[in-house]
N, C-alpha and C. Protein backbone atom coordinates (compact mmCIF):
# COMPACT_ATOMS: atom_id res chain seq x y z
N MET A 1 103.38 71.35 95.27
CA MET A 1 104.26 71.32 96.38
C MET A 1 103.58 73.18 96.95
N ARG A 2 104.08 73.17 98.68
CA ARG A 2 103.47 74.25 99.63
C ARG A 2 104.60 74.62 100.04
N LEU A 3 105.25 76.12 99.87
CA LEU A 3 106.45 77.07 99.60
C LEU A 3 105.95 77.88 100.96
N GLY A 4 106.61 77.88 101.96
CA GLY A 4 106.63 78.61 102.93
C GLY A 4 107.62 79.88 102.84
N LEU A 5 106.88 81.04 102.94
CA LEU A 5 108.09 82.18 102.35
C LEU A 5 108.24 83.42 103.27
N LEU A 6 109.43 84.02 103.51
CA LEU A 6 109.75 84.58 104.42
C LEU A 6 110.82 85.99 103.69
N ALA A 7 110.01 87.10 104.42
CA ALA A 7 111.36 88.30 103.90
C ALA A 7 111.29 89.20 104.71
N ASP A 8 112.52 89.91 104.94
CA ASP A 8 112.35 91.10 105.71
C ASP A 8 112.12 90.77 107.21
N ILE A 9 112.91 89.68 108.04
CA ILE A 9 112.58 89.30 109.61
C ILE A 9 113.04 90.89 110.14
N HIS A 10 114.74 90.95 109.68
CA HIS A 10 115.02 92.14 110.93
C HIS A 10 114.99 92.25 112.18
N GLY A 11 115.70 90.94 112.49
CA GLY A 11 115.93 90.47 113.76
C GLY A 11 114.77 90.39 114.82
N ASP A 12 113.47 90.12 114.55
CA ASP A 12 112.05 90.29 115.25
C ASP A 12 111.90 88.51 115.01
N GLY A 13 112.43 88.03 116.67
CA GLY A 13 112.43 86.71 116.73
C GLY A 13 111.27 85.96 117.29
N VAL A 14 110.27 86.92 117.50
CA VAL A 14 108.38 87.18 117.82
C VAL A 14 108.06 86.57 116.41
N GLY A 15 108.00 87.02 115.82
CA GLY A 15 107.59 86.93 115.03
C GLY A 15 107.90 86.07 113.70
N PHE A 16 109.51 85.41 113.88
CA PHE A 16 109.86 84.49 113.05
C PHE A 16 109.64 83.36 113.66
N GLN A 17 109.11 83.10 115.26
CA GLN A 17 108.91 82.03 115.69
C GLN A 17 107.49 81.54 115.04
N GLN A 18 106.72 83.14 115.20
CA GLN A 18 105.07 82.44 114.63
C GLN A 18 104.83 82.03 113.44
N ALA A 19 105.77 82.58 112.60
CA ALA A 19 105.82 82.50 111.53
C ALA A 19 106.25 80.68 111.25
N LEU A 20 107.30 80.45 111.48
CA LEU A 20 107.41 78.97 111.91
C LEU A 20 106.34 77.99 112.31
N ALA A 21 105.62 78.47 113.23
CA ALA A 21 104.33 77.67 113.84
C ALA A 21 103.54 77.66 112.88
N TRP A 22 103.14 78.67 112.44
CA TRP A 22 101.99 78.45 111.75
C TRP A 22 102.32 77.57 110.34
N PHE A 23 103.72 77.56 110.08
CA PHE A 23 104.13 77.06 108.35
C PHE A 23 103.98 75.17 109.01
N ALA A 24 104.67 75.44 110.18
CA ALA A 24 104.84 74.14 110.54
C ALA A 24 102.82 73.29 110.72
N SER A 25 101.97 74.08 111.40
CA SER A 25 100.83 73.77 110.89
C SER A 25 100.04 73.60 109.81
N GLN A 26 100.98 73.45 108.86
CA GLN A 26 100.04 73.85 107.49
C GLN A 26 100.87 72.88 106.68
N ALA A 27 101.98 72.22 106.84
CA ALA A 27 102.45 71.29 106.09
C ALA A 27 103.12 71.47 104.69
N ILE A 28 104.28 72.43 105.49
CA ILE A 28 104.68 73.31 104.61
C ILE A 28 106.26 72.11 104.02
N GLU A 29 106.53 72.25 102.43
CA GLU A 29 107.54 71.21 102.19
C GLU A 29 108.78 72.03 102.02
N GLN A 30 108.68 72.84 101.96
CA GLN A 30 110.06 73.52 102.05
C GLN A 30 109.98 75.38 102.37
N ILE A 31 110.94 75.93 103.02
CA ILE A 31 110.71 77.48 103.63
C ILE A 31 112.11 78.41 103.02
N LEU A 32 111.52 79.28 102.01
CA LEU A 32 112.59 80.13 101.52
C LEU A 32 112.34 81.67 102.10
N CYS A 33 113.42 82.09 102.26
CA CYS A 33 114.01 83.45 102.99
C CYS A 33 114.17 84.40 101.99
N ALA A 34 113.88 85.83 101.59
CA ALA A 34 114.10 86.60 100.58
C ALA A 34 115.07 87.91 101.29
N GLY A 35 115.78 87.64 102.08
CA GLY A 35 116.92 88.34 102.90
C GLY A 35 116.27 89.41 103.58
N ASP A 36 116.86 90.10 104.68
CA ASP A 36 117.11 91.48 104.82
C ASP A 36 116.70 90.35 106.50
N VAL A 37 117.32 89.50 106.86
CA VAL A 37 117.11 88.72 108.28
C VAL A 37 117.56 89.54 109.61
N VAL A 38 118.63 90.70 109.22
CA VAL A 38 119.24 91.32 110.56
C VAL A 38 118.82 92.72 110.82
N ASP A 39 119.53 93.34 111.36
CA ASP A 39 119.27 94.91 111.76
C ASP A 39 117.52 95.12 111.70
N ARG A 40 117.75 96.05 113.11
CA ARG A 40 116.46 96.87 113.53
C ARG A 40 116.15 95.87 114.95
N GLY A 41 116.27 94.59 114.63
CA GLY A 41 115.32 94.13 116.20
C GLY A 41 116.57 93.19 116.36
N PRO A 42 116.74 92.80 117.82
CA PRO A 42 117.55 92.35 118.52
C PRO A 42 118.29 90.69 118.67
N ASP A 43 117.10 90.23 117.40
CA ASP A 43 117.21 88.78 117.60
C ASP A 43 117.94 88.07 116.47
N ALA A 44 119.15 88.78 115.80
CA ALA A 44 119.33 88.10 114.27
C ALA A 44 119.83 86.77 114.77
N ASP A 45 121.07 87.03 116.25
CA ASP A 45 122.02 85.66 116.03
C ASP A 45 120.83 84.34 116.33
N ALA A 46 119.77 84.71 117.02
CA ALA A 46 118.84 83.08 117.22
C ALA A 46 118.38 82.70 115.99
N ILE A 47 117.83 83.86 115.04
CA ILE A 47 117.27 83.62 113.97
C ILE A 47 118.29 82.60 113.02
N VAL A 48 119.41 83.46 112.87
CA VAL A 48 120.44 82.89 112.11
C VAL A 48 121.00 81.34 112.37
N GLN A 49 120.83 80.84 113.77
CA GLN A 49 120.86 80.03 114.15
C GLN A 49 119.77 78.62 113.42
N VAL A 50 118.74 79.36 113.56
CA VAL A 50 117.36 78.52 112.97
C VAL A 50 117.32 78.48 111.88
N LEU A 51 117.83 79.56 111.16
CA LEU A 51 117.69 79.12 109.56
C LEU A 51 119.11 77.92 108.94
N ILE A 52 120.08 77.81 110.38
CA ILE A 52 121.82 77.44 109.91
C ILE A 52 120.95 75.75 110.00
N ASN A 53 120.22 75.46 111.32
CA ASN A 53 120.30 74.31 111.98
C ASN A 53 118.68 73.68 110.72
N ARG A 54 117.91 74.44 110.17
CA ARG A 54 116.48 73.57 109.80
C ARG A 54 117.06 74.24 107.70
N SER A 55 118.56 74.48 107.66
CA SER A 55 119.00 74.56 106.23
C SER A 55 117.94 75.25 105.33
N ILE A 56 117.18 76.47 105.57
CA ILE A 56 116.57 76.88 105.14
C ILE A 56 117.10 77.91 104.36
N ALA A 57 116.78 77.83 102.80
CA ALA A 57 117.40 78.57 102.27
C ALA A 57 117.52 79.89 102.26
N CYS A 58 118.26 81.00 102.16
CA CYS A 58 118.13 82.49 102.06
C CYS A 58 119.37 83.53 101.53
N ILE A 59 118.79 84.81 100.72
CA ILE A 59 120.02 85.32 100.00
C ILE A 59 120.32 86.51 100.96
N LYS A 60 121.41 87.35 100.97
CA LYS A 60 121.86 88.63 101.18
C LYS A 60 120.54 89.34 100.89
N GLY A 61 120.04 90.60 101.76
CA GLY A 61 119.55 91.51 101.13
C GLY A 61 120.24 92.77 101.69
N ASN A 62 119.91 94.11 101.38
CA ASN A 62 120.43 95.20 101.28
C ASN A 62 120.96 95.35 102.90
N HIS A 63 120.31 94.86 103.93
CA HIS A 63 120.56 95.30 105.25
C HIS A 63 121.65 94.21 105.81
N GLU A 64 121.99 93.11 105.13
CA GLU A 64 122.78 92.33 104.84
C GLU A 64 124.28 92.83 104.83
N PHE A 65 124.02 93.58 103.82
CA PHE A 65 125.07 94.24 103.05
C PHE A 65 125.94 95.15 104.10
N THR A 66 124.42 96.24 104.75
CA THR A 66 125.24 97.14 105.57
C THR A 66 125.91 96.89 107.23
N LEU A 67 125.59 95.42 106.98
CA LEU A 67 125.83 94.95 108.53
C LEU A 67 127.21 94.71 108.32
N LEU A 68 127.85 93.78 107.34
CA LEU A 68 129.07 93.13 106.39
C LEU A 68 129.95 94.80 106.16
N ARG A 69 129.10 95.68 106.32
CA ARG A 69 130.01 97.15 106.23
C ARG A 69 130.11 97.66 107.32
N GLU A 70 129.60 97.88 108.17
CA GLU A 70 129.52 98.55 109.24
C GLU A 70 129.83 97.95 110.49
N HIS A 71 129.62 96.59 110.80
CA HIS A 71 130.02 96.10 111.99
C HIS A 71 130.95 96.55 112.48
N SER A 72 132.02 96.51 112.20
CA SER A 72 133.39 97.01 112.99
C SER A 72 133.60 97.77 113.17
N ARG A 73 132.90 99.21 112.77
CA ARG A 73 132.79 100.11 113.41
C ARG A 73 131.62 100.56 114.16
N TRP A 74 130.37 99.84 114.06
CA TRP A 74 129.48 99.49 115.43
C TRP A 74 129.89 99.16 116.74
N SER A 75 130.51 97.85 116.61
CA SER A 75 130.87 96.95 117.35
C SER A 75 132.14 98.18 118.61
N GLN A 76 132.71 98.89 117.84
CA GLN A 76 133.82 100.21 118.64
C GLN A 76 133.01 101.12 119.10
N SER A 77 131.54 101.23 118.99
CA SER A 77 130.77 102.84 119.28
C SER A 77 130.87 102.69 120.88
N ASN A 78 131.03 103.58 121.38
CA ASN A 78 130.29 104.05 122.82
C ASN A 78 129.03 103.43 123.32
N GLN A 79 128.23 103.30 122.46
CA GLN A 79 126.86 103.13 122.43
C GLN A 79 126.25 101.39 121.74
N ARG A 80 127.12 100.91 122.29
CA ARG A 80 127.56 99.13 122.10
C ARG A 80 126.07 98.82 122.38
N GLU A 81 125.51 99.12 123.52
CA GLU A 81 124.54 98.64 124.44
C GLU A 81 122.84 98.57 122.86
N ARG A 82 123.13 100.05 122.94
CA ARG A 82 121.85 100.58 122.16
C ARG A 82 122.14 99.83 120.55
N LEU A 83 123.16 99.42 120.11
CA LEU A 83 123.23 99.50 118.90
C LEU A 83 122.96 97.90 118.73
N ALA A 84 123.06 96.91 119.82
CA ALA A 84 123.37 95.17 119.94
C ALA A 84 121.37 95.57 120.09
N SER A 85 120.64 96.16 120.58
CA SER A 85 119.38 96.17 120.74
C SER A 85 118.45 96.53 119.14
N ARG A 86 119.13 96.95 118.86
CA ARG A 86 118.61 97.15 117.34
C ARG A 86 119.26 96.49 116.08
N GLY A 87 120.12 95.35 116.79
CA GLY A 87 120.33 93.89 115.92
C GLY A 87 121.78 94.52 114.95
N ARG A 88 122.32 95.34 115.70
CA ARG A 88 123.69 96.02 114.10
C ARG A 88 124.82 95.70 115.15
N ILE A 89 125.24 94.95 116.41
CA ILE A 89 126.14 93.99 117.02
C ILE A 89 125.73 92.51 116.63
N VAL A 90 126.16 91.74 116.32
CA VAL A 90 126.49 89.56 116.20
C VAL A 90 126.94 89.46 116.54
N THR A 91 127.25 88.15 116.44
CA THR A 91 128.40 87.27 116.73
C THR A 91 129.17 87.14 115.75
N GLN A 92 130.60 86.48 115.52
CA GLN A 92 131.14 86.18 114.66
C GLN A 92 130.39 85.16 113.79
N ALA A 93 129.50 84.29 114.70
CA ALA A 93 129.16 83.43 113.76
C ALA A 93 128.50 83.69 112.66
N THR A 94 127.13 84.72 113.29
CA THR A 94 126.36 85.49 112.11
C THR A 94 126.70 86.14 111.08
N LEU A 95 127.58 86.75 111.33
CA LEU A 95 128.54 87.41 110.53
C LEU A 95 129.62 86.44 109.59
N ASP A 96 129.96 85.43 109.95
CA ASP A 96 130.02 84.36 109.00
C ASP A 96 129.00 84.05 108.05
N TYR A 97 128.09 83.48 108.70
CA TYR A 97 126.90 82.90 107.95
C TYR A 97 126.36 84.04 107.02
N ILE A 98 126.01 85.06 107.39
CA ILE A 98 125.68 86.24 106.56
C ILE A 98 126.36 86.73 105.11
N ALA A 99 128.25 86.90 105.33
CA ALA A 99 129.41 86.74 104.20
C ALA A 99 129.16 85.70 103.32
N ALA A 100 128.85 84.52 103.55
CA ALA A 100 128.32 83.34 103.06
C ALA A 100 127.33 83.43 102.04
N LEU A 101 126.43 83.96 102.54
CA LEU A 101 124.78 84.12 101.39
C LEU A 101 124.99 84.42 100.36
N PRO A 102 124.72 84.22 98.99
CA PRO A 102 124.24 85.01 98.07
C PRO A 102 123.65 85.69 98.07
N THR A 103 123.68 86.33 96.72
CA THR A 103 122.85 87.58 96.63
C THR A 103 121.61 87.12 95.72
N SER A 104 121.64 86.16 94.84
CA SER A 104 120.27 85.34 94.67
C SER A 104 120.79 83.59 94.72
N HIS A 105 119.66 83.16 94.44
CA HIS A 105 119.35 81.65 94.63
C HIS A 105 118.23 81.03 93.69
N ARG A 106 119.24 79.82 92.91
CA ARG A 106 118.00 79.93 91.79
C ARG A 106 117.88 78.06 92.44
N LEU A 107 116.44 77.61 92.43
CA LEU A 107 116.42 76.29 92.78
C LEU A 107 114.97 75.50 91.90
N GLN A 108 115.43 74.25 91.64
CA GLN A 108 113.80 73.46 90.61
C GLN A 108 112.75 73.37 91.71
N ILE A 109 111.50 73.56 91.28
CA ILE A 109 110.59 73.51 92.14
C ILE A 109 109.14 72.60 91.15
N GLU A 110 109.43 71.28 91.09
CA GLU A 110 108.41 70.73 90.65
C GLU A 110 108.74 70.88 88.70
N ASN A 111 109.69 70.90 88.16
CA ASN A 111 110.33 71.20 86.93
C ASN A 111 109.77 72.56 86.38
N ARG A 112 110.05 73.24 87.81
CA ARG A 112 110.27 75.08 87.44
C ARG A 112 110.95 75.58 88.15
N CYS A 113 111.79 76.32 87.54
CA CYS A 113 112.92 77.16 88.23
C CYS A 113 112.59 78.32 89.25
N LEU A 114 112.81 78.75 90.08
CA LEU A 114 112.43 79.45 91.15
C LEU A 114 113.81 80.41 91.37
N VAL A 115 113.35 81.39 91.16
CA VAL A 115 114.66 82.64 91.71
C VAL A 115 114.48 83.51 93.04
N LEU A 116 114.97 83.11 93.99
CA LEU A 116 114.86 83.85 94.99
C LEU A 116 115.94 84.96 95.16
N ALA A 117 114.96 86.23 95.31
CA ALA A 117 116.58 87.44 95.78
C ALA A 117 115.61 88.58 96.35
N HIS A 118 116.04 89.70 96.67
CA HIS A 118 115.53 90.43 97.66
C HIS A 118 115.04 91.61 97.06
N GLY A 119 115.90 92.91 96.63
CA GLY A 119 114.97 94.13 95.35
C GLY A 119 114.43 93.34 94.43
N ALA A 120 115.45 93.14 93.35
CA ALA A 120 115.03 92.69 92.50
C ALA A 120 116.74 91.70 91.97
N PRO A 121 116.04 90.51 91.51
CA PRO A 121 117.72 89.74 90.82
C PRO A 121 119.05 90.66 90.62
N TRP A 122 118.86 91.59 90.26
CA TRP A 122 119.87 92.69 89.56
C TRP A 122 120.33 93.78 90.65
N SER A 123 119.46 93.98 91.48
CA SER A 123 119.84 94.94 92.90
C SER A 123 119.12 94.25 93.75
N ASP A 124 119.73 94.88 95.48
CA ASP A 124 119.44 94.34 96.47
C ASP A 124 118.32 95.88 96.73
N VAL A 125 118.25 96.71 96.35
CA VAL A 125 117.93 98.03 96.59
C VAL A 125 116.66 98.37 95.76
N VAL A 126 116.77 97.83 94.55
CA VAL A 126 115.97 98.23 93.73
C VAL A 126 113.81 97.83 94.05
N ASP A 127 112.84 98.55 94.14
CA ASP A 127 111.65 98.24 94.41
C ASP A 127 111.03 97.60 93.46
N MET A 128 110.22 96.19 93.82
CA MET A 128 109.37 95.91 92.68
C MET A 128 108.38 95.84 93.04
N LEU A 129 107.55 96.58 92.52
CA LEU A 129 105.89 96.82 93.00
C LEU A 129 104.74 96.70 91.97
N PRO A 130 103.51 96.39 91.57
CA PRO A 130 102.86 96.54 90.75
C PRO A 130 102.64 97.40 89.84
N GLU A 131 102.91 98.54 90.84
CA GLU A 131 103.04 100.16 90.15
C GLU A 131 104.19 101.14 89.36
N SER A 132 105.21 100.03 89.81
CA SER A 132 106.77 99.90 89.09
C SER A 132 106.60 100.20 87.60
N ARG A 133 107.16 101.13 87.17
CA ARG A 133 107.30 101.46 85.78
C ARG A 133 107.74 100.18 84.97
N SER A 134 107.04 100.08 83.83
CA SER A 134 107.11 99.06 82.72
C SER A 134 108.35 98.45 82.77
N SER A 135 109.48 99.67 82.70
CA SER A 135 110.85 98.88 82.25
C SER A 135 111.51 97.81 83.30
N LYS A 136 111.12 98.30 84.28
CA LYS A 136 111.67 97.20 85.60
C LYS A 136 111.12 96.20 84.91
N TRP A 137 109.95 95.70 84.67
CA TRP A 137 109.05 94.48 84.52
C TRP A 137 109.62 93.92 83.08
N GLN A 138 109.48 94.88 82.22
CA GLN A 138 110.11 94.30 81.36
C GLN A 138 111.40 93.44 81.11
N ARG A 139 112.70 94.08 81.92
CA ARG A 139 113.99 93.60 82.16
C ARG A 139 113.51 92.43 83.35
N LEU A 140 112.89 92.63 84.13
CA LEU A 140 112.94 90.68 84.82
C LEU A 140 112.07 89.91 83.92
N VAL A 141 111.33 90.30 82.85
CA VAL A 141 110.71 89.43 82.08
C VAL A 141 112.14 89.12 81.47
N ARG A 142 112.84 89.98 80.45
CA ARG A 142 113.97 89.70 79.30
C ARG A 142 115.35 88.93 80.31
N GLU A 143 115.67 89.18 81.38
CA GLU A 143 116.56 88.42 82.00
C GLU A 143 116.30 87.52 82.49
N HIS A 144 115.04 87.20 82.91
CA HIS A 144 114.71 85.66 82.93
C HIS A 144 113.77 84.29 82.17
N PRO A 145 114.13 84.63 80.67
CA PRO A 145 113.83 83.99 80.05
C PRO A 145 113.18 81.97 80.31
N ASN A 146 114.37 82.12 80.81
CA ASN A 146 114.04 80.21 81.75
C ASN A 146 113.53 80.07 82.99
N ASP A 147 113.50 81.25 83.41
CA ASP A 147 112.62 80.89 85.19
C ASP A 147 111.01 81.41 85.06
N GLN A 148 110.70 80.54 86.07
CA GLN A 148 109.20 80.63 85.97
C GLN A 148 108.31 81.40 87.50
N ILE A 149 109.62 81.19 88.37
CA ILE A 149 108.74 81.87 89.55
C ILE A 149 110.10 83.06 90.06
N ILE A 150 109.73 83.90 90.64
CA ILE A 150 110.60 84.63 91.43
C ILE A 150 110.19 85.21 92.67
N VAL A 151 110.90 85.16 93.62
CA VAL A 151 110.58 85.20 95.42
C VAL A 151 111.29 86.60 95.03
N LEU A 152 110.67 88.01 95.82
CA LEU A 152 111.42 89.06 95.92
C LEU A 152 110.58 89.45 97.45
N GLY A 153 111.57 90.48 98.50
CA GLY A 153 111.22 91.02 99.37
C GLY A 153 111.64 92.55 99.62
N HIS A 154 112.00 93.23 100.41
CA HIS A 154 112.54 94.53 100.45
C HIS A 154 111.88 95.95 100.41
N THR A 155 110.44 95.44 100.04
CA THR A 155 109.64 96.35 100.11
C THR A 155 108.47 96.48 101.40
N HIS A 156 108.50 95.38 101.98
CA HIS A 156 107.81 95.10 103.10
C HIS A 156 106.06 94.78 102.49
N ARG A 157 105.67 94.72 101.58
CA ARG A 157 104.37 94.85 100.71
C ARG A 157 104.40 93.37 100.02
N PRO A 158 103.12 92.94 100.47
CA PRO A 158 102.77 91.44 100.05
C PRO A 158 102.37 91.77 98.45
N MET A 159 102.66 90.54 97.89
CA MET A 159 102.62 90.80 96.66
C MET A 159 102.24 89.59 95.44
N HIS A 160 101.55 89.34 94.63
CA HIS A 160 101.30 88.37 93.57
C HIS A 160 100.97 88.93 92.22
N VAL A 161 101.78 88.94 91.15
CA VAL A 161 102.05 89.56 90.25
C VAL A 161 101.99 88.46 88.92
N ARG A 162 101.39 88.50 88.22
CA ARG A 162 102.18 87.46 86.90
C ARG A 162 102.44 88.79 85.61
N CYS A 163 103.06 88.29 85.04
CA CYS A 163 104.03 89.61 84.42
C CYS A 163 104.78 88.54 83.03
N GLY A 164 104.32 88.46 82.02
CA GLY A 164 104.76 87.57 80.93
C GLY A 164 104.79 85.81 81.25
N HIS A 165 105.83 85.10 81.12
CA HIS A 165 105.81 84.19 81.77
C HIS A 165 106.09 83.73 83.15
N LEU A 166 106.28 85.31 83.73
CA LEU A 166 106.26 84.95 85.10
C LEU A 166 105.58 85.08 86.51
N THR A 167 105.56 84.26 87.32
CA THR A 167 104.80 84.64 88.45
C THR A 167 106.01 85.68 89.56
N VAL A 168 105.27 86.43 90.23
CA VAL A 168 106.46 87.10 90.93
C VAL A 168 106.02 87.31 92.39
N LEU A 169 106.45 86.94 93.47
CA LEU A 169 105.73 87.14 94.93
C LEU A 169 106.87 87.21 95.71
N ASN A 170 106.18 88.04 96.80
CA ASN A 170 106.58 89.10 98.01
C ASN A 170 105.58 88.54 98.89
N PRO A 171 106.14 87.72 100.00
CA PRO A 171 105.30 87.58 101.38
C PRO A 171 104.92 88.81 102.25
N GLY A 172 106.00 90.24 101.85
CA GLY A 172 105.98 91.25 102.73
C GLY A 172 106.70 90.96 103.87
N SER A 173 107.10 91.52 105.07
CA SER A 173 107.99 91.56 105.77
C SER A 173 107.40 91.03 107.23
N VAL A 174 108.42 89.88 107.78
CA VAL A 174 107.56 89.36 109.26
C VAL A 174 108.37 91.00 110.08
N TYR A 175 109.03 91.90 110.14
CA TYR A 175 109.12 92.80 110.72
C TYR A 175 108.21 93.57 110.90
N GLY A 176 107.39 94.05 112.19
CA GLY A 176 106.27 94.66 112.24
C GLY A 176 106.00 95.62 112.73
N VAL A 177 106.83 96.54 112.89
CA VAL A 177 106.98 97.63 113.79
C VAL A 177 106.09 99.24 113.66
N THR A 178 106.73 99.59 112.00
CA THR A 178 106.04 101.12 111.71
C THR A 178 105.11 100.61 110.44
N ILE A 179 104.25 101.65 110.33
CA ILE A 179 102.97 101.59 109.47
C ILE A 179 103.66 101.14 107.90
N ARG A 180 104.58 100.86 107.70
CA ARG A 180 105.09 100.17 106.40
C ARG A 180 105.34 98.73 106.53
N ASP A 181 105.42 98.64 107.58
CA ASP A 181 105.25 96.84 107.62
C ASP A 181 104.24 95.91 107.38
N SER A 182 104.26 94.95 107.02
CA SER A 182 102.87 94.27 106.64
C SER A 182 102.84 92.90 108.00
N HIS A 183 104.25 93.14 108.74
CA HIS A 183 104.43 91.48 109.83
C HIS A 183 103.78 90.61 109.35
N SER A 184 103.69 90.09 108.47
CA SER A 184 103.42 88.85 107.66
C SER A 184 104.64 87.77 107.25
N CYS A 185 103.90 86.65 106.82
CA CYS A 185 104.80 85.30 105.94
C CYS A 185 103.55 85.02 104.89
N ALA A 186 104.21 84.15 104.12
CA ALA A 186 102.98 83.78 103.56
C ALA A 186 103.33 81.95 102.61
N ILE A 187 102.60 81.35 102.30
CA ILE A 187 102.65 80.29 101.87
C ILE A 187 102.03 80.42 100.35
N TYR A 188 102.87 79.76 99.61
CA TYR A 188 102.92 79.45 98.00
C TYR A 188 102.35 78.33 97.29
N ASP A 189 101.25 78.05 96.77
CA ASP A 189 100.98 76.46 96.44
C ASP A 189 100.73 76.80 95.20
N THR A 190 101.88 75.70 94.37
CA THR A 190 102.12 75.56 93.49
C THR A 190 101.05 75.29 92.56
N ALA A 191 100.06 74.46 92.96
CA ALA A 191 99.13 73.50 92.17
C ALA A 191 98.03 74.59 92.03
N SER A 192 97.92 75.34 92.89
CA SER A 192 96.59 76.54 92.56
C SER A 192 97.05 77.73 92.24
N ASP A 193 99.05 78.03 92.27
CA ASP A 193 99.07 79.21 92.07
C ASP A 193 98.61 80.45 92.62
N SER A 194 98.45 79.90 94.14
CA SER A 194 97.81 80.97 95.17
C SER A 194 98.69 81.70 96.58
N LEU A 195 98.72 82.68 96.68
CA LEU A 195 99.59 82.95 97.98
C LEU A 195 98.84 83.00 98.68
N THR A 196 98.77 82.55 100.08
CA THR A 196 97.95 82.96 101.16
C THR A 196 98.87 83.48 101.96
N LEU A 197 98.39 84.67 102.60
CA LEU A 197 99.11 85.50 103.73
C LEU A 197 98.72 85.21 105.08
N TYR A 198 99.32 85.04 105.29
CA TYR A 198 99.59 85.09 107.34
C TYR A 198 99.66 86.54 107.82
N ASP A 199 98.79 87.18 108.71
CA ASP A 199 98.68 88.29 109.55
C ASP A 199 99.24 88.05 110.93
N LEU A 200 100.34 87.84 111.20
CA LEU A 200 101.30 87.90 112.11
C LEU A 200 100.39 88.64 113.82
N ARG A 201 100.07 89.68 113.34
CA ARG A 201 99.39 90.23 114.75
C ARG A 201 98.28 89.66 114.61
N SER A 202 97.14 89.31 114.00
CA SER A 202 95.99 89.22 114.04
C SER A 202 95.77 87.41 113.99
N GLN A 203 96.79 86.75 113.54
CA GLN A 203 96.69 85.67 113.27
C GLN A 203 95.82 84.93 112.39
N GLN A 204 95.32 85.91 110.88
CA GLN A 204 94.25 85.58 109.98
C GLN A 204 95.21 85.27 108.80
N THR A 205 94.29 84.73 108.07
CA THR A 205 95.03 84.38 106.58
C THR A 205 93.92 84.79 105.61
N ARG A 206 94.63 85.57 104.53
CA ARG A 206 93.74 85.57 103.62
C ARG A 206 94.47 85.52 102.05
N ILE A 207 94.31 85.11 101.09
CA ILE A 207 94.57 85.37 99.92
C ILE A 207 95.37 86.80 99.21
N CYS A 208 96.42 86.39 98.38
CA CYS A 208 96.98 87.68 97.88
C CYS A 208 96.46 87.74 96.76
N PRO A 209 95.66 88.61 96.43
CA PRO A 209 94.96 89.16 94.91
C PRO A 209 96.20 89.12 94.03
N VAL A 210 95.90 88.48 92.87
CA VAL A 210 96.60 88.09 91.83
C VAL A 210 96.69 89.56 90.96
N ILE A 211 97.63 90.19 90.44
CA ILE A 211 97.71 91.41 89.37
C ILE A 211 98.41 90.93 88.48
N GLU A 212 97.92 91.29 87.16
CA GLU A 212 98.37 90.98 86.02
C GLU A 212 99.12 92.26 85.32
N ILE A 213 100.09 92.47 85.11
CA ILE A 213 100.50 93.13 84.45
C ILE A 213 101.14 93.28 82.87
N GLU A 214 100.66 94.13 81.62
CA GLU A 214 100.74 93.83 81.12
C GLU A 214 102.23 94.73 80.21
N LEU A 215 102.94 93.92 79.59
CA LEU A 215 104.04 94.66 78.82
C LEU A 215 103.71 95.39 77.57
N SER A 216 103.91 96.51 77.37
CA SER A 216 103.66 97.32 76.69
C SER A 216 104.87 97.00 75.30
């Protein structure tokens, strides 16, 4: 099975459409989004409508929580135009969609359990990186004894990690404005256990190298 993976779109409608076009050319069977659809870019409403129309599985990221918490205040600001251009004022339909999103989502992929989350399954603001301290990886393995694949976002850094019985994936960020952003999406092939990254700037692909994490 070939899974299209998205994360950290941040209202970047152009990057989002580029990602969908690439997925369409690659015979993707399912698309998953690991959160942070909103905030920073101006196109959240259009992106959310596509997510709804195409029934793309998605979860809340930390920027969804921020938008839900601050939207009323932002909407009453005397800088509404600037805030709207940064994706901080959206329609009620978008707010309703975001409010209904789960913080994580578990699904079956070819008799394997996949968990979709943002920073980490236990927190939307935790960074899971290959260089993260061992205790984070130990917790991930300990708390997911019956899962096989974890798809995360938040860091804006692509990642393909094997840790214990888990495969942990991050497609990087669709959003691509700062030096931190990867401006990428990815395809995970379950048969070959490979993560192919697609650079939305150069339109080039590369295989994300696998990093093995040994638990002490």
